[in-house]
Amino acid sequence: MGATVIVGYEDAELLDVACVSSTFSTANDLGADPPYAVTLLTPGGHAITCRPGLRLEAHGALEQYTGPVDTLVVVGGLGSPRAAADPVLLAHVRRLARDARRVASVCTGASILAAAGLLDGRRATTHWWFAPELARAHPAVHVDPDPIFVRDGKIATSAGVTSALDLALSFVHEDHGPALARQVARALVTYLQRPGTQAQMSVHVAAPVPADDVVRGVVDHVAGHLDGDLGAAALAARAGVSERHLTRLFRAHLGRTPAEHVRRARTEAAAHLATTTEVPLARVAARCGFRSTETMRTAFLEVYGRTPSEHRRAFVTAV
């Protein structure tokens, strides 16, 4: 796996950089294998001033970087209009994006990807405040101001600043699975919100981490073993309590039964896979523990009011 390259520039937003780099470094601390190698590149390799005036040292020069790139992330900030008008910066963003497995932007970093021609014909998002401006400046881009982040093929765009956490966590989930993504979220003390028709595109858990140790242990197990035996008897045996007591605990701390939680967790994980990957829906169903695509279809209709294929079309435009 190549490096995760973050492209910065003068007057970039520090949170945009930190949300991505801290998420990946936390994943490394928790055992990501292979680990993420995060590299900050800037024009000329110069230190940059980020709001509110902090200086950030670069690892190298954008123009000189030739190593393999796994994930390319272009951040936003008050300096993004100047960066989007810099032909040298744009040329090197295009160069690195060409062979990268994933390309992403945070907030107004979308304007840089758009200026580089990487968003033409694609669906993209940015901070809602800047979305109309992005749409006016780049009519070939299908700007959607609502989602926290959008995946269109190998390119992802995210909304303002901390939505970069959601995007980076989705990458951790994609690379290393839901259990590690959940651990990273807990370490960063952030919630992983459910996906759906609202402006929430991150996934894995729809509520704060349960305070009860038994419930938390079962919830963690469910998140990491969606395709396993998650029946009431198996979960109760794992927790070392009776099925009746486990149900009481779940109702008290989560407001639903273990079976309802499992069904919701599987549905949300399936929605995440459907909207962020091109995995066939039959494999999505199997990977998330549904007995059949029809069972998954019924669950989607209950939660999202539409079928898995309709849900995928609503959020992903084919490359």
C-alpha atoms as a PDB file:
ATOM      1  CA  MET A   1       0.000   0.000   0.000  1.00  0.00           C
ATOM      2  CA  GLY A   2       1.365   3.414  -0.930  1.00  0.00           C
ATOM      3  CA  ALA A   3       1.290   6.570   1.108  1.00  0.00           C
ATOM      4  CA  THR A   4      -1.695   8.618   2.151  1.00  0.00           C
ATOM      5  CA  VAL A   5      -0.751  11.997   0.703  1.00  0.00           C
ATOM      6  CA  ILE A   6      -2.360  15.126   2.121  1.00  0.00           C
ATOM      7  CA  VAL A   7      -2.012  18.193  -0.078  1.00  0.00           C
ATOM      8  CA  GLY A   8      -1.718  21.417   1.911  1.00  0.00           C
ATOM      9  CA  TYR A   9      -1.074  25.030   0.986  1.00  0.00           C
ATOM     10  CA  GLU A  10      -0.906  28.464   2.570  1.00  0.00           C
ATOM     11  CA  ASP A  11      -4.041  29.255   4.623  1.00  0.00           C
ATOM     12  CA  ALA A  12      -5.242  25.663   4.616  1.00  0.00           C
ATOM     13  CA  GLU A  13      -7.624  24.668   7.399  1.00  0.00           C
ATOM     14  CA  LEU A  14      -5.703  22.920  10.184  1.00  0.00           C
ATOM     15  CA  LEU A  15      -8.703  20.782  11.188  1.00  0.00           C
ATOM     16  CA  ASP A  16      -8.951  19.434   7.650  1.00  0.00           C
ATOM     17  CA  VAL A  17      -5.403  18.147   7.930  1.00  0.00           C
ATOM     18  CA  ALA A  18      -5.721  16.936  11.517  1.00  0.00           C
ATOM     19  CA  CYS A  19      -8.993  15.047  11.086  1.00  0.00           C
ATOM     20  CA  VAL A  20      -7.492  12.921   8.341  1.00  0.00           C
ATOM     21  CA  SER A  21      -4.002  12.460   9.785  1.00  0.00           C
ATOM     22  CA  SER A  22      -5.192  11.783  13.341  1.00  0.00           C
ATOM     23  CA  THR A  23      -7.749   9.223  12.190  1.00  0.00           C
ATOM     24  CA  PHE A  24      -5.147   7.248  10.278  1.00  0.00           C
ATOM     25  CA  SER A  25      -2.472   7.535  12.968  1.00  0.00           C
ATOM     26  CA  THR A  26      -5.001   6.330  15.569  1.00  0.00           C
ATOM     27  CA  ALA A  27      -5.808   3.376  13.307  1.00  0.00           C
ATOM     28  CA  ASN A  28      -2.075   2.608  13.251  1.00  0.00           C
ATOM     29  CA  ASP A  29      -1.924   2.781  17.049  1.00  0.00           C
ATOM     30  CA  LEU A  30      -4.793   0.278  17.214  1.00  0.00           C
ATOM     31  CA  GLY A  31      -3.150  -2.211  14.885  1.00  0.00           C
ATOM     32  CA  ALA A  32      -3.962  -1.272  11.285  1.00  0.00           C
ATOM     33  CA  ASP A  33      -2.120  -3.749   9.085  1.00  0.00           C
ATOM     34  CA  PRO A  34      -0.787  -2.597   6.735  1.00  0.00           C
ATOM     35  CA  PRO A  35      -0.394   0.711   8.562  1.00  0.00           C
ATOM     36  CA  TYR A  36      -1.124   4.089   7.024  1.00  0.00           C
ATOM     37  CA  ALA A  37       1.878   6.174   5.985  1.00  0.00           C
ATOM     38  CA  VAL A  38       0.698   9.787   6.054  1.00  0.00           C
ATOM     39  CA  THR A  39       2.694  12.385   4.144  1.00  0.00           C
ATOM     40  CA  LEU A  40       1.925  16.125   4.046  1.00  0.00           C
ATOM     41  CA  LEU A  41       3.031  17.739   0.792  1.00  0.00           C
ATOM     42  CA  THR A  42       2.994  21.461   0.061  1.00  0.00           C
ATOM     43  CA  PRO A  43       4.127  23.625  -2.864  1.00  0.00           C
ATOM     44  CA  GLY A  44       7.896  23.764  -2.654  1.00  0.00           C
ATOM     45  CA  GLY A  45       7.814  21.712   0.549  1.00  0.00           C
ATOM     46  CA  HIS A  46       7.447  24.949   2.507  1.00  0.00           C
ATOM     47  CA  ALA A  47       5.877  25.235   5.943  1.00  0.00           C
ATOM     48  CA  ILE A  48       2.341  26.598   5.701  1.00  0.00           C
ATOM     49  CA  THR A  49       0.341  28.877   7.955  1.00  0.00           C
ATOM     50  CA  CYS A  50      -2.996  27.373   8.946  1.00  0.00           C
ATOM     51  CA  ARG A  51      -5.839  29.157  10.648  1.00  0.00           C
ATOM     52  CA  PRO A  52      -5.557  30.484  13.374  1.00  0.00           C
ATOM     53  CA  GLY A  53      -1.944  31.299  12.532  1.00  0.00           C
ATOM     54  CA  LEU A  54      -0.234  28.026  13.425  1.00  0.00           C
ATOM     55  CA  ARG A  55       2.712  26.944  11.291  1.00  0.00           C
ATOM     56  CA  LEU A  56       2.737  23.416   9.938  1.00  0.00           C
ATOM     57  CA  GLU A  57       5.879  21.755   8.578  1.00  0.00           C
ATOM     58  CA  ALA A  58       5.592  19.660   5.413  1.00  0.00           C
ATOM     59  CA  HIS A  59       7.151  16.269   4.783  1.00  0.00           C
ATOM     60  CA  GLY A  60       8.088  17.225   1.258  1.00  0.00           C
ATOM     61  CA  ALA A  61       7.427  19.160  -1.914  1.00  0.00           C
ATOM     62  CA  LEU A  62       4.327  18.403  -3.949  1.00  0.00           C
ATOM     63  CA  GLU A  63       6.287  18.932  -7.164  1.00  0.00           C
ATOM     64  CA  GLN A  64       9.001  16.429  -6.256  1.00  0.00           C
ATOM     65  CA  TYR A  65       6.930  13.571  -4.889  1.00  0.00           C
ATOM     66  CA  THR A  66       7.140  10.473  -7.081  1.00  0.00           C
ATOM     67  CA  GLY A  67       6.345   7.661  -4.651  1.00  0.00           C
ATOM     68  CA  PRO A  68       3.260   5.483  -4.986  1.00  0.00           C
ATOM     69  CA  VAL A  69       0.039   7.051  -3.705  1.00  0.00           C
ATOM     70  CA  ASP A  70      -2.711   4.964  -2.186  1.00  0.00           C
ATOM     71  CA  THR A  71      -4.991   7.790  -1.034  1.00  0.00           C
ATOM     72  CA  LEU A  72      -4.702  11.426  -2.106  1.00  0.00           C
ATOM     73  CA  VAL A  73      -6.486  13.987   0.092  1.00  0.00           C
ATOM     74  CA  VAL A  74      -6.757  17.672  -0.819  1.00  0.00           C
ATOM     75  CA  VAL A  75      -7.764  19.826   2.134  1.00  0.00           C
ATOM     76  CA  GLY A  76      -9.792  23.024   2.174  1.00  0.00           C
ATOM     77  CA  GLY A  77      -9.330  26.383   3.814  1.00  0.00           C
ATOM     78  CA  LEU A  78      -9.320  30.109   3.231  1.00  0.00           C
ATOM     79  CA  GLY A  79      -6.439  29.660   0.794  1.00  0.00           C
ATOM     80  CA  SER A  80      -8.331  27.249  -1.452  1.00  0.00           C
ATOM     81  CA  PRO A  81      -9.290  29.888  -4.078  1.00  0.00           C
ATOM     82  CA  ARG A  82      -5.614  30.717  -4.586  1.00  0.00           C
ATOM     83  CA  ALA A  83      -4.692  27.042  -4.663  1.00  0.00           C
ATOM     84  CA  ALA A  84      -7.450  26.337  -7.202  1.00  0.00           C
ATOM     85  CA  ALA A  85      -5.993  29.068  -9.424  1.00  0.00           C
ATOM     86  CA  ASP A  86      -2.426  27.729  -9.226  1.00  0.00           C
ATOM     87  CA  PRO A  87      -1.711  25.805 -12.464  1.00  0.00           C
ATOM     88  CA  VAL A  88       1.383  24.119 -11.032  1.00  0.00           C
ATOM     89  CA  LEU A  89      -0.446  22.830  -7.960  1.00  0.00           C
ATOM     90  CA  LEU A  90      -3.346  21.619 -10.118  1.00  0.00           C
ATOM     91  CA  ALA A  91      -1.011  19.814 -12.505  1.00  0.00           C
ATOM     92  CA  HIS A  92       0.577  17.872  -9.677  1.00  0.00           C
ATOM     93  CA  VAL A  93      -2.755  17.059  -8.072  1.00  0.00           C
ATOM     94  CA  ARG A  94      -3.824  15.610 -11.440  1.00  0.00           C
ATOM     95  CA  ARG A  95      -0.537  13.714 -11.703  1.00  0.00           C
ATOM     96  CA  LEU A  96      -0.843  12.105  -8.284  1.00  0.00           C
ATOM     97  CA  ALA A  97      -4.562  11.433  -8.698  1.00  0.00           C
ATOM     98  CA  ARG A  98      -4.011   9.530 -11.932  1.00  0.00           C
ATOM     99  CA  ASP A  99      -2.544   6.429 -10.262  1.00  0.00           C
ATOM    100  CA  ALA A 100      -3.976   6.787  -6.742  1.00  0.00           C
ATOM    101  CA  ARG A 101      -6.414   4.142  -5.528  1.00  0.00           C
ATOM    102  CA  ARG A 102      -8.550   6.839  -3.884  1.00  0.00           C
ATOM    103  CA  VAL A 103      -8.791  10.588  -4.243  1.00  0.00           C
ATOM    104  CA  ALA A 104     -10.584  12.756  -1.701  1.00  0.00           C
ATOM    105  CA  SER A 105     -11.194  16.331  -0.700  1.00  0.00           C
ATOM    106  CA  VAL A 106     -12.237  18.022   2.509  1.00  0.00           C
ATOM    107  CA  CYS A 107     -14.571  21.042   2.499  1.00  0.00           C
ATOM    108  CA  THR A 108     -13.452  23.612  -0.093  1.00  0.00           C
ATOM    109  CA  GLY A 109     -10.749  21.234  -1.262  1.00  0.00           C
ATOM    110  CA  ALA A 110     -13.473  20.136  -3.676  1.00  0.00           C
ATOM    111  CA  SER A 111     -12.913  23.376  -5.592  1.00  0.00           C
ATOM    112  CA  ILE A 112      -9.302  22.315  -6.183  1.00  0.00           C
ATOM    113  CA  LEU A 113     -10.339  18.892  -7.460  1.00  0.00           C
ATOM    114  CA  ALA A 114     -12.941  20.586  -9.653  1.00  0.00           C
ATOM    115  CA  ALA A 115     -10.408  23.070 -11.023  1.00  0.00           C
ATOM    116  CA  ALA A 116      -8.143  20.125 -11.826  1.00  0.00           C
ATOM    117  CA  GLY A 117     -10.968  18.596 -13.874  1.00  0.00           C
ATOM    118  CA  LEU A 118     -11.278  15.583 -11.570  1.00  0.00           C
ATOM    119  CA  LEU A 119     -14.942  16.140 -10.694  1.00  0.00           C
ATOM    120  CA  ASP A 120     -16.386  16.706 -14.168  1.00  0.00           C
ATOM    121  CA  GLY A 121     -19.468  14.546 -14.620  1.00  0.00           C
ATOM    122  CA  ARG A 122     -19.301  13.390 -11.021  1.00  0.00           C
ATOM    123  CA  ARG A 123     -21.486  13.922  -7.989  1.00  0.00           C
ATOM    124  CA  ALA A 124     -19.672  15.854  -5.268  1.00  0.00           C
ATOM    125  CA  THR A 125     -20.240  17.785  -2.081  1.00  0.00           C
ATOM    126  CA  THR A 126     -18.564  20.517  -0.079  1.00  0.00           C
ATOM    127  CA  HIS A 127     -19.453  22.710   2.887  1.00  0.00           C
ATOM    128  CA  TRP A 128     -23.047  23.837   2.366  1.00  0.00           C
ATOM    129  CA  TRP A 129     -21.972  27.477   2.591  1.00  0.00           C
ATOM    130  CA  PHE A 130     -19.715  27.102  -0.460  1.00  0.00           C
ATOM    131  CA  ALA A 131     -21.832  24.648  -2.463  1.00  0.00           C
ATOM    132  CA  PRO A 132     -23.629  27.274  -4.601  1.00  0.00           C
ATOM    133  CA  GLU A 133     -20.309  28.858  -5.503  1.00  0.00           C
ATOM    134  CA  LEU A 134     -18.843  25.477  -6.479  1.00  0.00           C
ATOM    135  CA  ALA A 135     -21.876  24.726  -8.644  1.00  0.00           C
ATOM    136  CA  ARG A 136     -21.685  28.104 -10.408  1.00  0.00           C
ATOM    137  CA  ALA A 137     -17.949  27.883 -11.046  1.00  0.00           C
ATOM    138  CA  HIS A 138     -18.042  24.276 -12.255  1.00  0.00           C
ATOM    139  CA  PRO A 139     -21.341  23.457 -14.002  1.00  0.00           C
ATOM    140  CA  ALA A 140     -19.994  20.065 -15.115  1.00  0.00           C
ATOM    141  CA  VAL A 141     -19.931  18.944 -11.469  1.00  0.00           C
ATOM    142  CA  HIS A 142     -23.138  17.584  -9.914  1.00  0.00           C
ATOM    143  CA  VAL A 143     -22.952  19.426  -6.587  1.00  0.00           C
ATOM    144  CA  ASP A 144     -25.050  17.998  -3.742  1.00  0.00           C
ATOM    145  CA  PRO A 145     -24.843  20.207  -0.616  1.00  0.00           C
ATOM    146  CA  ASP A 146     -26.617  17.771   1.717  1.00  0.00           C
ATOM    147  CA  PRO A 147     -24.463  14.690   2.455  1.00  0.00           C
ATOM    148  CA  ILE A 148     -21.564  14.682   4.866  1.00  0.00           C
ATOM    149  CA  PHE A 149     -19.559  12.977   2.169  1.00  0.00           C
ATOM    150  CA  VAL A 150     -20.055  11.503  -1.288  1.00  0.00           C
ATOM    151  CA  ARG A 151     -18.254   8.664  -3.032  1.00  0.00           C
ATOM    152  CA  ASP A 152     -18.333   8.616  -6.819  1.00  0.00           C
ATOM    153  CA  GLY A 153     -16.069   5.906  -8.126  1.00  0.00           C
ATOM    154  CA  LYS A 154     -12.614   6.345  -6.653  1.00  0.00           C
ATOM    155  CA  ILE A 155     -13.212  10.004  -5.793  1.00  0.00           C
ATOM    156  CA  ALA A 156     -14.729  11.141  -2.501  1.00  0.00           C
ATOM    157  CA  THR A 157     -15.658  14.662  -1.448  1.00  0.00           C
ATOM    158  CA  SER A 158     -16.646  15.709   2.063  1.00  0.00           C
ATOM    159  CA  ALA A 159     -18.358  18.657   3.698  1.00  0.00           C
ATOM    160  CA  GLY A 160     -16.915  21.091   6.228  1.00  0.00           C
ATOM    161  CA  VAL A 161     -13.927  20.312   8.453  1.00  0.00           C
ATOM    162  CA  THR A 162     -14.958  17.584  10.947  1.00  0.00           C
ATOM    163  CA  SER A 163     -16.848  15.660   8.262  1.00  0.00           C
ATOM    164  CA  ALA A 164     -13.333  14.614   7.301  1.00  0.00           C
ATOM    165  CA  LEU A 165     -13.526  12.355  10.356  1.00  0.00           C
ATOM    166  CA  ASP A 166     -16.517  10.579   8.829  1.00  0.00           C
ATOM    167  CA  LEU A 167     -14.733  10.225   5.522  1.00  0.00           C
ATOM    168  CA  ALA A 168     -11.480   8.976   7.042  1.00  0.00           C
ATOM    169  CA  LEU A 169     -13.366   6.527   9.266  1.00  0.00           C
ATOM    170  CA  SER A 170     -15.145   5.173   6.196  1.00  0.00           C
ATOM    171  CA  PHE A 171     -11.723   4.566   4.641  1.00  0.00           C
ATOM    172  CA  VAL A 172     -10.582   2.704   7.766  1.00  0.00           C
ATOM    173  CA  HIS A 173     -13.759   0.624   7.575  1.00  0.00           C
ATOM    174  CA  GLU A 174     -13.134  -0.092   3.902  1.00  0.00           C
ATOM    175  CA  ASP A 175      -9.488  -1.031   4.458  1.00  0.00           C
ATOM    176  CA  HIS A 176      -9.607  -2.842   7.793  1.00  0.00           C
ATOM    177  CA  GLY A 177     -13.229  -3.599   8.640  1.00  0.00           C
ATOM    178  CA  PRO A 178     -15.921  -2.231  10.978  1.00  0.00           C
ATOM    179  CA  ALA A 179     -14.347  -3.368  14.256  1.00  0.00           C
ATOM    180  CA  LEU A 180     -11.223  -1.238  13.805  1.00  0.00           C
ATOM    181  CA  ALA A 181     -13.269   1.714  12.506  1.00  0.00           C
ATOM    182  CA  ARG A 182     -15.387   1.538  15.649  1.00  0.00           C
ATOM    183  CA  GLN A 183     -12.318   1.373  17.893  1.00  0.00           C
ATOM    184  CA  VAL A 184     -10.824   4.410  16.163  1.00  0.00           C
ATOM    185  CA  ALA A 185     -14.080   6.346  16.580  1.00  0.00           C
ATOM    186  CA  ARG A 186     -14.190   5.521  20.275  1.00  0.00           C
ATOM    187  CA  ALA A 187     -10.550   6.540  20.717  1.00  0.00           C
ATOM    188  CA  LEU A 188     -11.283   9.862  19.020  1.00  0.00           C
ATOM    189  CA  VAL A 189     -14.479  10.255  21.101  1.00  0.00           C
ATOM    190  CA  THR A 190     -16.613  10.748  18.034  1.00  0.00           C
ATOM    191  CA  TYR A 191     -19.858   9.145  16.938  1.00  0.00           C
ATOM    192  CA  LEU A 192     -20.271   7.129  13.774  1.00  0.00           C
ATOM    193  CA  GLN A 193     -23.638   8.206  12.404  1.00  0.00           C
ATOM    194  CA  ARG A 194     -25.990   6.069  10.377  1.00  0.00           C
ATOM    195  CA  PRO A 195     -26.270   6.565   6.622  1.00  0.00           C
ATOM    196  CA  GLY A 196     -29.540   7.387   4.902  1.00  0.00           C
ATOM    197  CA  THR A 197     -31.482   9.999   3.046  1.00  0.00           C
ATOM    198  CA  GLN A 198     -30.552  12.689   5.555  1.00  0.00           C
ATOM    199  CA  ALA A 199     -27.227  14.503   5.489  1.00  0.00           C
ATOM    200  CA  GLN A 200     -25.471  11.684   7.300  1.00  0.00           C
ATOM    201  CA  MET A 201     -23.239   9.378   5.278  1.00  0.00           C
ATOM    202  CA  SER A 202     -21.016   7.820   7.913  1.00  0.00           C
ATOM    203  CA  VAL A 203     -22.017   4.526   9.452  1.00  0.00           C
ATOM    204  CA  HIS A 204     -21.497   1.757  11.973  1.00  0.00           C
ATOM    205  CA  VAL A 205     -23.339   2.978  15.044  1.00  0.00           C
ATOM    206  CA  ALA A 206     -26.402   5.166  15.387  1.00  0.00           C
ATOM    207  CA  ALA A 207     -26.078   6.000  19.063  1.00  0.00           C
ATOM    208  CA  PRO A 208     -23.441   6.891  21.659  1.00  0.00           C
ATOM    209  CA  VAL A 209     -21.350   4.026  23.018  1.00  0.00           C
ATOM    210  CA  PRO A 210     -23.420   2.180  25.665  1.00  0.00           C
ATOM    211  CA  ALA A 211     -22.396   2.834  29.272  1.00  0.00           C
ATOM    212  CA  ASP A 212     -23.127  -0.737  30.369  1.00  0.00           C
ATOM    213  CA  ASP A 213     -20.131  -3.058  29.978  1.00  0.00           C
ATOM    214  CA  VAL A 214     -22.250  -6.066  28.954  1.00  0.00           C
ATOM    215  CA  VAL A 215     -24.157  -4.150  26.288  1.00  0.00           C
ATOM    216  CA  ARG A 216     -20.996  -2.470  25.028  1.00  0.00           C
ATOM    217  CA  GLY A 217     -19.240  -5.822  24.711  1.00  0.00           C
ATOM    218  CA  VAL A 218     -22.124  -7.313  22.744  1.00  0.00           C
ATOM    219  CA  VAL A 219     -22.419  -4.245  20.510  1.00  0.00           C
ATOM    220  CA  ASP A 220     -18.683  -4.408  19.743  1.00  0.00           C
ATOM    221  CA  HIS A 221     -18.976  -8.107  18.954  1.00  0.00           C
ATOM    222  CA  VAL A 222     -21.922  -7.495  16.633  1.00  0.00           C
ATOM    223  CA  ALA A 223     -20.040  -4.748  14.761  1.00  0.00           C
ATOM    224  CA  GLY A 224     -17.098  -7.053  14.109  1.00  0.00           C
ATOM    225  CA  HIS A 225     -19.033 -10.244  13.299  1.00  0.00           C
ATOM    226  CA  LEU A 226     -22.011  -9.202  11.185  1.00  0.00           C
ATOM    227  CA  ASP A 227     -21.849 -12.383   9.116  1.00  0.00           C
ATOM    228  CA  GLY A 228     -21.682 -14.651  12.182  1.00  0.00           C
ATOM    229  CA  ASP A 229     -24.235 -16.200  14.527  1.00  0.00           C
ATOM    230  CA  LEU A 230     -25.829 -13.197  16.210  1.00  0.00           C
ATOM    231  CA  GLY A 231     -28.925 -14.915  17.507  1.00  0.00           C
ATOM    232  CA  ALA A 232     -30.194 -14.101  20.988  1.00  0.00           C
ATOM    233  CA  ALA A 233     -28.887 -17.342  22.453  1.00  0.00           C
ATOM    234  CA  ALA A 234     -25.399 -16.899  21.013  1.00  0.00           C
ATOM    235  CA  LEU A 235     -25.154 -13.279  22.164  1.00  0.00           C
ATOM    236  CA  ALA A 236     -26.418 -14.087  25.654  1.00  0.00           C
ATOM    237  CA  ALA A 237     -23.957 -16.966  25.970  1.00  0.00           C
ATOM    238  CA  ARG A 238     -21.108 -14.717  24.885  1.00  0.00           C
ATOM    239  CA  ALA A 239     -22.146 -12.075  27.431  1.00  0.00           C
ATOM    240  CA  GLY A 240     -22.556 -14.667  30.188  1.00  0.00           C
ATOM    241  CA  VAL A 241     -26.151 -13.663  30.981  1.00  0.00           C
ATOM    242  CA  SER A 242     -29.589 -15.036  30.224  1.00  0.00           C
ATOM    243  CA  GLU A 243     -31.402 -14.049  27.052  1.00  0.00           C
ATOM    244  CA  ARG A 244     -34.078 -12.337  29.136  1.00  0.00           C
ATOM    245  CA  HIS A 245     -31.522 -10.299  31.090  1.00  0.00           C
ATOM    246  CA  LEU A 246     -29.667  -9.307  27.911  1.00  0.00           C
ATOM    247  CA  THR A 247     -32.934  -8.116  26.392  1.00  0.00           C
ATOM    248  CA  ARG A 248     -33.654  -6.028  29.503  1.00  0.00           C
ATOM    249  CA  LEU A 249     -30.182  -4.468  29.322  1.00  0.00           C
ATOM    250  CA  PHE A 250     -30.530  -3.635  25.628  1.00  0.00           C
ATOM    251  CA  ARG A 251     -33.952  -2.077  26.133  1.00  0.00           C
ATOM    252  CA  ALA A 252     -32.655   0.002  29.037  1.00  0.00           C
ATOM    253  CA  HIS A 253     -29.478   1.249  27.312  1.00  0.00           C
ATOM    254  CA  LEU A 254     -30.314   1.228  23.605  1.00  0.00           C
ATOM    255  CA  GLY A 255     -34.117   1.267  23.538  1.00  0.00           C
ATOM    256  CA  ARG A 256     -34.312  -1.900  21.418  1.00  0.00           C
ATOM    257  CA  THR A 257     -33.867  -5.635  21.689  1.00  0.00           C
ATOM    258  CA  PRO A 258     -30.659  -7.444  20.720  1.00  0.00           C
ATOM    259  CA  ALA A 259     -32.391  -8.800  17.599  1.00  0.00           C
ATOM    260  CA  GLU A 260     -33.518  -5.305  16.590  1.00  0.00           C
ATOM    261  CA  HIS A 261     -29.992  -3.990  17.134  1.00  0.00           C
ATOM    262  CA  VAL A 262     -28.454  -6.761  15.019  1.00  0.00           C
ATOM    263  CA  ARG A 263     -30.906  -6.155  12.186  1.00  0.00           C
ATOM    264  CA  ARG A 264     -30.240  -2.411  12.265  1.00  0.00           C
ATOM    265  CA  ALA A 265     -26.462  -2.880  12.429  1.00  0.00           C
ATOM    266  CA  ARG A 266     -26.534  -5.231   9.457  1.00  0.00           C
ATOM    267  CA  THR A 267     -28.757  -2.870   7.489  1.00  0.00           C
ATOM    268  CA  GLU A 268     -26.541   0.152   8.174  1.00  0.00           C
ATOM    269  CA  ALA A 269     -23.391  -1.784   7.287  1.00  0.00           C
ATOM    270  CA  ALA A 270     -25.035  -2.985   4.072  1.00  0.00           C
ATOM    271  CA  ALA A 271     -26.057   0.588   3.242  1.00  0.00           C
ATOM    272  CA  HIS A 272     -22.486   1.706   3.778  1.00  0.00           C
ATOM    273  CA  LEU A 273     -21.121  -0.964   1.445  1.00  0.00           C
ATOM    274  CA  ALA A 274     -23.823  -0.257  -1.131  1.00  0.00           C
ATOM    275  CA  THR A 275     -23.065   3.473  -1.229  1.00  0.00           C
ATOM    276  CA  THR A 276     -19.261   3.436  -0.929  1.00  0.00           C
ATOM    277  CA  THR A 277     -18.288   0.390  -2.992  1.00  0.00           C
ATOM    278  CA  GLU A 278     -19.293  -1.424  -6.155  1.00  0.00           C
ATOM    279  CA  VAL A 279     -19.577  -4.813  -4.430  1.00  0.00           C
ATOM    280  CA  PRO A 280     -22.532  -6.758  -5.943  1.00  0.00           C
ATOM    281  CA  LEU A 281     -25.593  -6.598  -3.717  1.00  0.00           C
ATOM    282  CA  ALA A 282     -25.688 -10.378  -3.285  1.00  0.00           C
ATOM    283  CA  ARG A 283     -22.190 -10.217  -1.784  1.00  0.00           C
ATOM    284  CA  VAL A 284     -23.173  -7.202   0.322  1.00  0.00           C
ATOM    285  CA  ALA A 285     -26.027  -9.240   1.786  1.00  0.00           C
ATOM    286  CA  ALA A 286     -23.784 -12.206   2.566  1.00  0.00           C
ATOM    287  CA  ARG A 287     -21.002 -10.062   4.001  1.00  0.00           C
ATOM    288  CA  CYS A 288     -23.411  -8.294   6.333  1.00  0.00           C
ATOM    289  CA  GLY A 289     -25.113 -11.448   7.564  1.00  0.00           C
ATOM    290  CA  PHE A 290     -28.393 -11.416   5.670  1.00  0.00           C
ATOM    291  CA  ARG A 291     -29.702 -14.837   4.681  1.00  0.00           C
ATOM    292  CA  SER A 292     -30.662 -13.573   1.223  1.00  0.00           C
ATOM    293  CA  THR A 293     -30.908 -10.444  -0.870  1.00  0.00           C
ATOM    294  CA  GLU A 294     -34.671 -10.522  -0.298  1.00  0.00           C
ATOM    295  CA  THR A 295     -34.165 -10.376   3.477  1.00  0.00           C
ATOM    296  CA  MET A 296     -31.832  -7.426   2.986  1.00  0.00           C
ATOM    297  CA  ARG A 297     -34.345  -5.778   0.674  1.00  0.00           C
ATOM    298  CA  THR A 298     -37.058  -6.019   3.343  1.00  0.00           C
ATOM    299  CA  ALA A 299     -34.729  -4.492   5.939  1.00  0.00           C
ATOM    300  CA  PHE A 300     -33.843  -1.588   3.623  1.00  0.00           C
ATOM    301  CA  LEU A 301     -37.499  -0.853   2.976  1.00  0.00           C
ATOM    302  CA  GLU A 302     -38.143  -0.739   6.725  1.00  0.00           C
ATOM    303  CA  VAL A 303     -35.209   1.550   7.512  1.00  0.00           C
ATOM    304  CA  TYR A 304     -34.771   3.697   4.398  1.00  0.00           C
ATOM    305  CA  GLY A 305     -38.067   3.310   2.548  1.00  0.00           C
ATOM    306  CA  ARG A 306     -36.360   2.070  -0.604  1.00  0.00           C
ATOM    307  CA  THR A 307     -34.604  -0.999  -1.944  1.00  0.00           C
ATOM    308  CA  PRO A 308     -30.822  -1.541  -1.788  1.00  0.00           C
ATOM    309  CA  SER A 309     -30.460  -0.856  -5.505  1.00  0.00           C
ATOM    310  CA  GLU A 310     -32.473   2.363  -5.195  1.00  0.00           C
ATOM    311  CA  HIS A 311     -30.369   3.363  -2.194  1.00  0.00           C
ATOM    312  CA  ARG A 312     -27.171   2.753  -4.147  1.00  0.00           C
ATOM    313  CA  ARG A 313     -28.372   4.772  -7.139  1.00  0.00           C
ATOM    314  CA  ALA A 314     -29.315   7.657  -4.851  1.00  0.00           C
ATOM    315  CA  PHE A 315     -25.785   7.999  -3.479  1.00  0.00           C
ATOM    316  CA  VAL A 316     -23.381   6.587  -6.034  1.00  0.00           C
ATOM    317  CA  THR A 317     -22.940   7.480  -9.677  1.00  0.00           C
ATOM    318  CA  ALA A 318     -21.150   4.766 -11.609  1.00  0.00           C
ATOM    319  CA  VAL A 319     -17.681   5.624 -12.876  1.00  0.00           C
END
